[in-house]
Amino acid sequence: MSKKNQAIEVQATEEERVIDNNSVTITKLSIGKKILGFIIPDNKRFYVEIDGKKESGIKTLNEGIQYLLAKYNLQK
């Protein structure tokens, strides 16, 4: 027997965070109450932060979302 795929609601919300005395708009990705991570802009690139640790440098916001979802699926 195989499991049916269940629809999961993923939320992307923007928040303000002060980094190096600059206010930066970051994107928080979450499923329900579980926070998957943050996508933080850094000049022309972005980086992903999971559990307070800088994980990976990426080129676009969409790549960051895909990266966080892939990490979540691997841990699940």
PDB file of N, CA and C in Angstrom:
ATOM      1  N   MET A   1       0.835  -1.179   0.000  1.00  0.00           N
ATOM      2  CA  MET A   1       0.000   0.000   0.000  1.00  0.00           C
ATOM      3  C   MET A   1       0.884   1.247   0.000  1.00  0.00           C
ATOM      4  N   SER A   2       0.502   2.185  -0.785  1.00  0.00           N
ATOM      5  CA  SER A   2       1.267   3.429  -0.825  1.00  0.00           C
ATOM      6  C   SER A   2       0.458   4.554  -0.179  1.00  0.00           C
ATOM      7  N   LYS A   3       1.190   5.484   0.370  1.00  0.00           N
ATOM      8  CA  LYS A   3       0.548   6.638   0.984  1.00  0.00           C
ATOM      9  C   LYS A   3       0.120   7.624  -0.100  1.00  0.00           C
ATOM     10  N   LYS A   4      -0.983   8.273   0.150  1.00  0.00           N
ATOM     11  CA  LYS A   4      -1.396   9.337  -0.755  1.00  0.00           C
ATOM     12  C   LYS A   4      -0.679  10.617  -0.344  1.00  0.00           C
ATOM     13  N   ASN A   5      -0.346  11.416  -1.327  1.00  0.00           N
ATOM     14  CA  ASN A   5       0.275  12.706  -1.032  1.00  0.00           C
ATOM     15  C   ASN A   5      -0.743  13.613  -0.375  1.00  0.00           C
ATOM     16  N   GLN A   6      -0.332  14.245   0.706  1.00  0.00           N
ATOM     17  CA  GLN A   6      -1.204  15.165   1.408  1.00  0.00           C
ATOM     18  C   GLN A   6      -0.795  16.594   1.082  1.00  0.00           C
ATOM     19  N   ALA A   7      -1.789  17.440   0.957  1.00  0.00           N
ATOM     20  CA  ALA A   7      -1.514  18.855   0.715  1.00  0.00           C
ATOM     21  C   ALA A   7      -1.028  19.486   2.016  1.00  0.00           C
ATOM     22  N   ILE A   8       0.067  20.218   1.931  1.00  0.00           N
ATOM     23  CA  ILE A   8       0.639  20.895   3.086  1.00  0.00           C
ATOM     24  C   ILE A   8       0.700  22.379   2.767  1.00  0.00           C
ATOM     25  N   GLU A   9       0.223  23.193   3.696  1.00  0.00           N
ATOM     26  CA  GLU A   9       0.237  24.631   3.483  1.00  0.00           C
ATOM     27  C   GLU A   9       1.559  25.219   3.958  1.00  0.00           C
ATOM     28  N   VAL A  10       2.299  25.770   3.037  1.00  0.00           N
ATOM     29  CA  VAL A  10       3.579  26.402   3.326  1.00  0.00           C
ATOM     30  C   VAL A  10       3.359  27.913   3.317  1.00  0.00           C
ATOM     31  N   GLN A  11       3.848  28.581   4.358  1.00  0.00           N
ATOM     32  CA  GLN A  11       3.672  30.024   4.455  1.00  0.00           C
ATOM     33  C   GLN A  11       5.016  30.727   4.319  1.00  0.00           C
ATOM     34  N   ALA A  12       5.043  31.747   3.502  1.00  0.00           N
ATOM     35  CA  ALA A  12       6.223  32.605   3.368  1.00  0.00           C
ATOM     36  C   ALA A  12       5.812  33.996   3.824  1.00  0.00           C
ATOM     37  N   THR A  13       6.425  34.471   4.904  1.00  0.00           N
ATOM     38  CA  THR A  13       6.107  35.794   5.430  1.00  0.00           C
ATOM     39  C   THR A  13       7.370  36.639   5.489  1.00  0.00           C
ATOM     40  N   GLU A  14       7.194  37.928   5.302  1.00  0.00           N
ATOM     41  CA  GLU A  14       8.327  38.843   5.350  1.00  0.00           C
ATOM     42  C   GLU A  14       8.398  39.496   6.723  1.00  0.00           C
ATOM     43  N   GLU A  15       9.610  39.629   7.233  1.00  0.00           N
ATOM     44  CA  GLU A  15       9.859  40.253   8.526  1.00  0.00           C
ATOM     45  C   GLU A  15      11.034  41.204   8.404  1.00  0.00           C
ATOM     46  N   GLU A  16      11.099  42.163   9.288  1.00  0.00           N
ATOM     47  CA  GLU A  16      12.239  43.070   9.353  1.00  0.00           C
ATOM     48  C   GLU A  16      13.212  42.561  10.412  1.00  0.00           C
ATOM     49  N   ARG A  17      14.490  42.569  10.101  1.00  0.00           N
ATOM     50  CA  ARG A  17      15.541  42.168  11.035  1.00  0.00           C
ATOM     51  C   ARG A  17      16.712  43.133  10.887  1.00  0.00           C
ATOM     52  N   VAL A  18      17.331  43.460  11.995  1.00  0.00           N
ATOM     53  CA  VAL A  18      18.498  44.349  11.964  1.00  0.00           C
ATOM     54  C   VAL A  18      19.752  43.477  11.868  1.00  0.00           C
ATOM     55  N   ILE A  19      20.499  43.681  10.785  1.00  0.00           N
ATOM     56  CA  ILE A  19      21.750  42.957  10.547  1.00  0.00           C
ATOM     57  C   ILE A  19      22.822  43.998  10.276  1.00  0.00           C
ATOM     58  N   ASP A  20      23.867  43.995  11.084  1.00  0.00           N
ATOM     59  CA  ASP A  20      24.966  44.975  10.944  1.00  0.00           C
ATOM     60  C   ASP A  20      24.446  46.412  10.927  1.00  0.00           C
ATOM     61  N   ASN A  21      23.558  46.734  11.848  1.00  0.00           N
ATOM     62  CA  ASN A  21      22.965  48.064  11.997  1.00  0.00           C
ATOM     63  C   ASN A  21      22.139  48.506  10.788  1.00  0.00           C
ATOM     64  N   ASN A  22      21.742  47.572   9.937  1.00  0.00           N
ATOM     65  CA  ASN A  22      20.875  47.869   8.800  1.00  0.00           C
ATOM     66  C   ASN A  22      19.589  47.066   8.937  1.00  0.00           C
ATOM     67  N   SER A  23      18.458  47.699   8.650  1.00  0.00           N
ATOM     68  CA  SER A  23      17.186  46.991   8.661  1.00  0.00           C
ATOM     69  C   SER A  23      17.024  46.248   7.334  1.00  0.00           C
ATOM     70  N   VAL A  24      16.823  44.943   7.411  1.00  0.00           N
ATOM     71  CA  VAL A  24      16.751  44.093   6.222  1.00  0.00           C
ATOM     72  C   VAL A  24      15.427  43.334   6.243  1.00  0.00           C
ATOM     73  N   THR A  25      14.770  43.234   5.098  1.00  0.00           N
ATOM     74  CA  THR A  25      13.547  42.449   4.974  1.00  0.00           C
ATOM     75  C   THR A  25      13.934  41.018   4.640  1.00  0.00           C
ATOM     76  N   ILE A  26      13.586  40.084   5.546  1.00  0.00           N
ATOM     77  CA  ILE A  26      13.897  38.675   5.336  1.00  0.00           C
ATOM     78  C   ILE A  26      12.601  37.916   5.087  1.00  0.00           C
ATOM     79  N   THR A  27      12.705  36.722   4.533  1.00  0.00           N
ATOM     80  CA  THR A  27      11.560  35.870   4.288  1.00  0.00           C
ATOM     81  C   THR A  27      11.631  34.671   5.210  1.00  0.00           C
ATOM     82  N   LYS A  28      10.558  34.456   5.980  1.00  0.00           N
ATOM     83  CA  LYS A  28      10.475  33.307   6.887  1.00  0.00           C
ATOM     84  C   LYS A  28       9.573  32.266   6.237  1.00  0.00           C
ATOM     85  N   LEU A  29      10.046  31.030   6.148  1.00  0.00           N
ATOM     86  CA  LEU A  29       9.282  29.945   5.563  1.00  0.00           C
ATOM     87  C   LEU A  29       8.851  29.004   6.677  1.00  0.00           C
ATOM     88  N   SER A  30       7.555  28.709   6.751  1.00  0.00           N
ATOM     89  CA  SER A  30       7.055  27.853   7.822  1.00  0.00           C
ATOM     90  C   SER A  30       5.925  26.959   7.317  1.00  0.00           C
ATOM     91  N   ILE A  31       5.754  25.860   8.039  1.00  0.00           N
ATOM     92  CA  ILE A  31       4.636  24.944   7.823  1.00  0.00           C
ATOM     93  C   ILE A  31       3.936  24.838   9.167  1.00  0.00           C
ATOM     94  N   GLY A  32       2.742  25.397   9.244  1.00  0.00           N
ATOM     95  CA  GLY A  32       2.044  25.446  10.527  1.00  0.00           C
ATOM     96  C   GLY A  32       2.846  26.292  11.499  1.00  0.00           C
ATOM     97  N   LYS A  33       3.152  25.734  12.677  1.00  0.00           N
ATOM     98  CA  LYS A  33       3.950  26.450  13.671  1.00  0.00           C
ATOM     99  C   LYS A  33       5.439  26.161  13.542  1.00  0.00           C
ATOM    100  N   LYS A  34       5.824  25.211  12.691  1.00  0.00           N
ATOM    101  CA  LYS A  34       7.229  24.849  12.528  1.00  0.00           C
ATOM    102  C   LYS A  34       7.904  25.792  11.528  1.00  0.00           C
ATOM    103  N   ILE A  35       8.938  26.459  11.989  1.00  0.00           N
ATOM    104  CA  ILE A  35       9.706  27.362  11.125  1.00  0.00           C
ATOM    105  C   ILE A  35      10.786  26.545  10.416  1.00  0.00           C
ATOM    106  N   LEU A  36      10.747  26.553   9.084  1.00  0.00           N
ATOM    107  CA  LEU A  36      11.733  25.812   8.295  1.00  0.00           C
ATOM    108  C   LEU A  36      13.052  26.565   8.224  1.00  0.00           C
ATOM    109  N   GLY A  37      12.991  27.880   8.121  1.00  0.00           N
ATOM    110  CA  GLY A  37      14.203  28.674   8.038  1.00  0.00           C
ATOM    111  C   GLY A  37      13.917  30.060   7.486  1.00  0.00           C
ATOM    112  N   PHE A  38      14.995  30.793   7.285  1.00  0.00           N
ATOM    113  CA  PHE A  38      14.909  32.164   6.812  1.00  0.00           C
ATOM    114  C   PHE A  38      15.738  32.318   5.544  1.00  0.00           C
ATOM    115  N   ILE A  39      15.267  33.189   4.658  1.00  0.00           N
ATOM    116  CA  ILE A  39      16.010  33.530   3.448  1.00  0.00           C
ATOM    117  C   ILE A  39      16.369  35.003   3.581  1.00  0.00           C
ATOM    118  N   ILE A  40      17.672  35.284   3.602  1.00  0.00           N
ATOM    119  CA  ILE A  40      18.153  36.619   3.915  1.00  0.00           C
ATOM    120  C   ILE A  40      18.929  37.179   2.720  1.00  0.00           C
ATOM    121  N   PRO A  41      18.543  38.376   2.248  1.00  0.00           N
ATOM    122  CA  PRO A  41      19.281  38.971   1.133  1.00  0.00           C
ATOM    123  C   PRO A  41      20.659  39.456   1.581  1.00  0.00           C
ATOM    124  N   ASP A  42      21.632  39.289   0.695  1.00  0.00           N
ATOM    125  CA  ASP A  42      23.007  39.722   0.961  1.00  0.00           C
ATOM    126  C   ASP A  42      23.574  40.293  -0.336  1.00  0.00           C
ATOM    127  N   ASN A  43      23.463  41.597  -0.485  1.00  0.00           N
ATOM    128  CA  ASN A  43      23.816  42.295  -1.725  1.00  0.00           C
ATOM    129  C   ASN A  43      22.960  41.765  -2.868  1.00  0.00           C
ATOM    130  N   LYS A  44      23.540  41.165  -3.901  1.00  0.00           N
ATOM    131  CA  LYS A  44      22.760  40.661  -5.034  1.00  0.00           C
ATOM    132  C   LYS A  44      22.404  39.188  -4.884  1.00  0.00           C
ATOM    133  N   ARG A  45      22.821  38.563  -3.790  1.00  0.00           N
ATOM    134  CA  ARG A  45      22.561  37.142  -3.557  1.00  0.00           C
ATOM    135  C   ARG A  45      21.721  36.983  -2.293  1.00  0.00           C
ATOM    136  N   PHE A  46      21.434  35.757  -1.938  1.00  0.00           N
ATOM    137  CA  PHE A  46      20.696  35.436  -0.732  1.00  0.00           C
ATOM    138  C   PHE A  46      21.454  34.344   0.005  1.00  0.00           C
ATOM    139  N   TYR A  47      21.150  34.173   1.282  1.00  0.00           N
ATOM    140  CA  TYR A  47      21.615  32.987   1.971  1.00  0.00           C
ATOM    141  C   TYR A  47      20.508  32.452   2.849  1.00  0.00           C
ATOM    142  N   VAL A  48      20.587  31.163   3.145  1.00  0.00           N
ATOM    143  CA  VAL A  48      19.568  30.462   3.914  1.00  0.00           C
ATOM    144  C   VAL A  48      20.082  30.259   5.334  1.00  0.00           C
ATOM    145  N   GLU A  49      19.231  30.545   6.294  1.00  0.00           N
ATOM    146  CA  GLU A  49      19.573  30.355   7.701  1.00  0.00           C
ATOM    147  C   GLU A  49      18.589  29.346   8.306  1.00  0.00           C
ATOM    148  N   ILE A  50      19.139  28.266   8.882  1.00  0.00           N
ATOM    149  CA  ILE A  50      18.328  27.240   9.542  1.00  0.00           C
ATOM    150  C   ILE A  50      18.856  27.075  10.957  1.00  0.00           C
ATOM    151  N   ASP A  51      17.957  27.188  11.927  1.00  0.00           N
ATOM    152  CA  ASP A  51      18.318  27.065  13.347  1.00  0.00           C
ATOM    153  C   ASP A  51      19.465  27.986  13.741  1.00  0.00           C
ATOM    154  N   GLY A  52      19.467  29.197  13.211  1.00  0.00           N
ATOM    155  CA  GLY A  52      20.484  30.181  13.568  1.00  0.00           C
ATOM    156  C   GLY A  52      21.827  29.985  12.889  1.00  0.00           C
ATOM    157  N   LYS A  53      21.919  29.021  11.979  1.00  0.00           N
ATOM    158  CA  LYS A  53      23.180  28.754  11.285  1.00  0.00           C
ATOM    159  C   LYS A  53      23.046  29.091   9.809  1.00  0.00           C
ATOM    160  N   LYS A  54      24.048  29.772   9.284  1.00  0.00           N
ATOM    161  CA  LYS A  54      24.095  30.103   7.863  1.00  0.00           C
ATOM    162  C   LYS A  54      24.383  28.818   7.097  1.00  0.00           C
ATOM    163  N   GLU A  55      23.438  28.412   6.250  1.00  0.00           N
ATOM    164  CA  GLU A  55      23.540  27.119   5.565  1.00  0.00           C
ATOM    165  C   GLU A  55      24.154  27.206   4.172  1.00  0.00           C
ATOM    166  N   SER A  56      23.568  28.021   3.321  1.00  0.00           N
ATOM    167  CA  SER A  56      23.966  27.965   1.920  1.00  0.00           C
ATOM    168  C   SER A  56      23.739  29.315   1.246  1.00  0.00           C
ATOM    169  N   GLY A  57      24.611  29.645   0.305  1.00  0.00           N
ATOM    170  CA  GLY A  57      24.433  30.827  -0.524  1.00  0.00           C
ATOM    171  C   GLY A  57      23.657  30.451  -1.774  1.00  0.00           C
ATOM    172  N   ILE A  58      22.688  31.262  -2.145  1.00  0.00           N
ATOM    173  CA  ILE A  58      21.848  30.979  -3.310  1.00  0.00           C
ATOM    174  C   ILE A  58      21.697  32.237  -4.151  1.00  0.00           C
ATOM    175  N   LYS A  59      21.172  32.069  -5.357  1.00  0.00           N
ATOM    176  CA  LYS A  59      21.049  33.196  -6.274  1.00  0.00           C
ATOM    177  C   LYS A  59      19.692  33.885  -6.191  1.00  0.00           C
ATOM    178  N   THR A  60      18.602  33.110  -5.998  1.00  0.00           N
ATOM    179  CA  THR A  60      17.265  33.705  -6.021  1.00  0.00           C
ATOM    180  C   THR A  60      16.449  33.272  -4.810  1.00  0.00           C
ATOM    181  N   LEU A  61      15.379  34.002  -4.580  1.00  0.00           N
ATOM    182  CA  LEU A  61      14.457  33.681  -3.491  1.00  0.00           C
ATOM    183  C   LEU A  61      13.804  32.317  -3.719  1.00  0.00           C
ATOM    184  N   ASN A  62      13.438  32.021  -4.960  1.00  0.00           N
ATOM    185  CA  ASN A  62      12.812  30.723  -5.266  1.00  0.00           C
ATOM    186  C   ASN A  62      13.752  29.554  -4.972  1.00  0.00           C
ATOM    187  N   GLU A  63      15.036  29.720  -5.255  1.00  0.00           N
ATOM    188  CA  GLU A  63      16.006  28.670  -4.932  1.00  0.00           C
ATOM    189  C   GLU A  63      16.076  28.451  -3.419  1.00  0.00           C
ATOM    190  N   GLY A  64      15.949  29.534  -2.663  1.00  0.00           N
ATOM    191  CA  GLY A  64      15.953  29.427  -1.212  1.00  0.00           C
ATOM    192  C   GLY A  64      14.755  28.653  -0.695  1.00  0.00           C
ATOM    193  N   ILE A  65      13.602  28.922  -1.269  1.00  0.00           N
ATOM    194  CA  ILE A  65      12.387  28.195  -0.877  1.00  0.00           C
ATOM    195  C   ILE A  65      12.535  26.717  -1.210  1.00  0.00           C
ATOM    196  N   GLN A  66      13.035  26.395  -2.396  1.00  0.00           N
ATOM    197  CA  GLN A  66      13.235  25.004  -2.788  1.00  0.00           C
ATOM    198  C   GLN A  66      14.245  24.314  -1.873  1.00  0.00           C
ATOM    199  N   TYR A  67      15.296  25.021  -1.494  1.00  0.00           N
ATOM    200  CA  TYR A  67      16.326  24.468  -0.611  1.00  0.00           C
ATOM    201  C   TYR A  67      15.731  24.122   0.748  1.00  0.00           C
ATOM    202  N   LEU A  68      14.954  25.037   1.330  1.00  0.00           N
ATOM    203  CA  LEU A  68      14.352  24.797   2.640  1.00  0.00           C
ATOM    204  C   LEU A  68      13.343  23.651   2.595  1.00  0.00           C
ATOM    205  N   LEU A  69      12.557  23.583   1.534  1.00  0.00           N
ATOM    206  CA  LEU A  69      11.589  22.485   1.414  1.00  0.00           C
ATOM    207  C   LEU A  69      12.295  21.141   1.243  1.00  0.00           C
ATOM    208  N   ALA A  70      13.384  21.120   0.495  1.00  0.00           N
ATOM    209  CA  ALA A  70      14.136  19.873   0.310  1.00  0.00           C
ATOM    210  C   ALA A  70      14.737  19.416   1.640  1.00  0.00           C
ATOM    211  N   LYS A  71      15.299  20.347   2.429  1.00  0.00           N
ATOM    212  CA  LYS A  71      15.849  20.015   3.745  1.00  0.00           C
ATOM    213  C   LYS A  71      14.755  19.469   4.660  1.00  0.00           C
ATOM    214  N   TYR A  72      13.579  20.083   4.615  1.00  0.00           N
ATOM    215  CA  TYR A  72      12.454  19.631   5.441  1.00  0.00           C
ATOM    216  C   TYR A  72      12.038  18.221   5.046  1.00  0.00           C
ATOM    217  N   ASN A  73      11.948  17.952   3.748  1.00  0.00           N
ATOM    218  CA  ASN A  73      11.536  16.625   3.282  1.00  0.00           C
ATOM    219  C   ASN A  73      12.559  15.554   3.646  1.00  0.00           C
ATOM    220  N   LEU A  74      13.844  15.889   3.649  1.00  0.00           N
ATOM    221  CA  LEU A  74      14.881  14.931   4.021  1.00  0.00           C
ATOM    222  C   LEU A  74      14.830  14.602   5.503  1.00  0.00           C
ATOM    223  N   GLN A  75      14.472  15.576   6.327  1.00  0.00           N
ATOM    224  CA  GLN A  75      14.423  15.361   7.770  1.00  0.00           C
ATOM    225  C   GLN A  75      13.149  14.658   8.205  1.00  0.00           C
ATOM    226  N   LYS A  76      12.132  14.729   7.410  1.00  0.00           N
ATOM    227  CA  LYS A  76      10.831  14.166   7.758  1.00  0.00           C
ATOM    228  C   LYS A  76      10.810  12.676   7.701  1.00  0.00           C
TER     229      LYS A  76
END
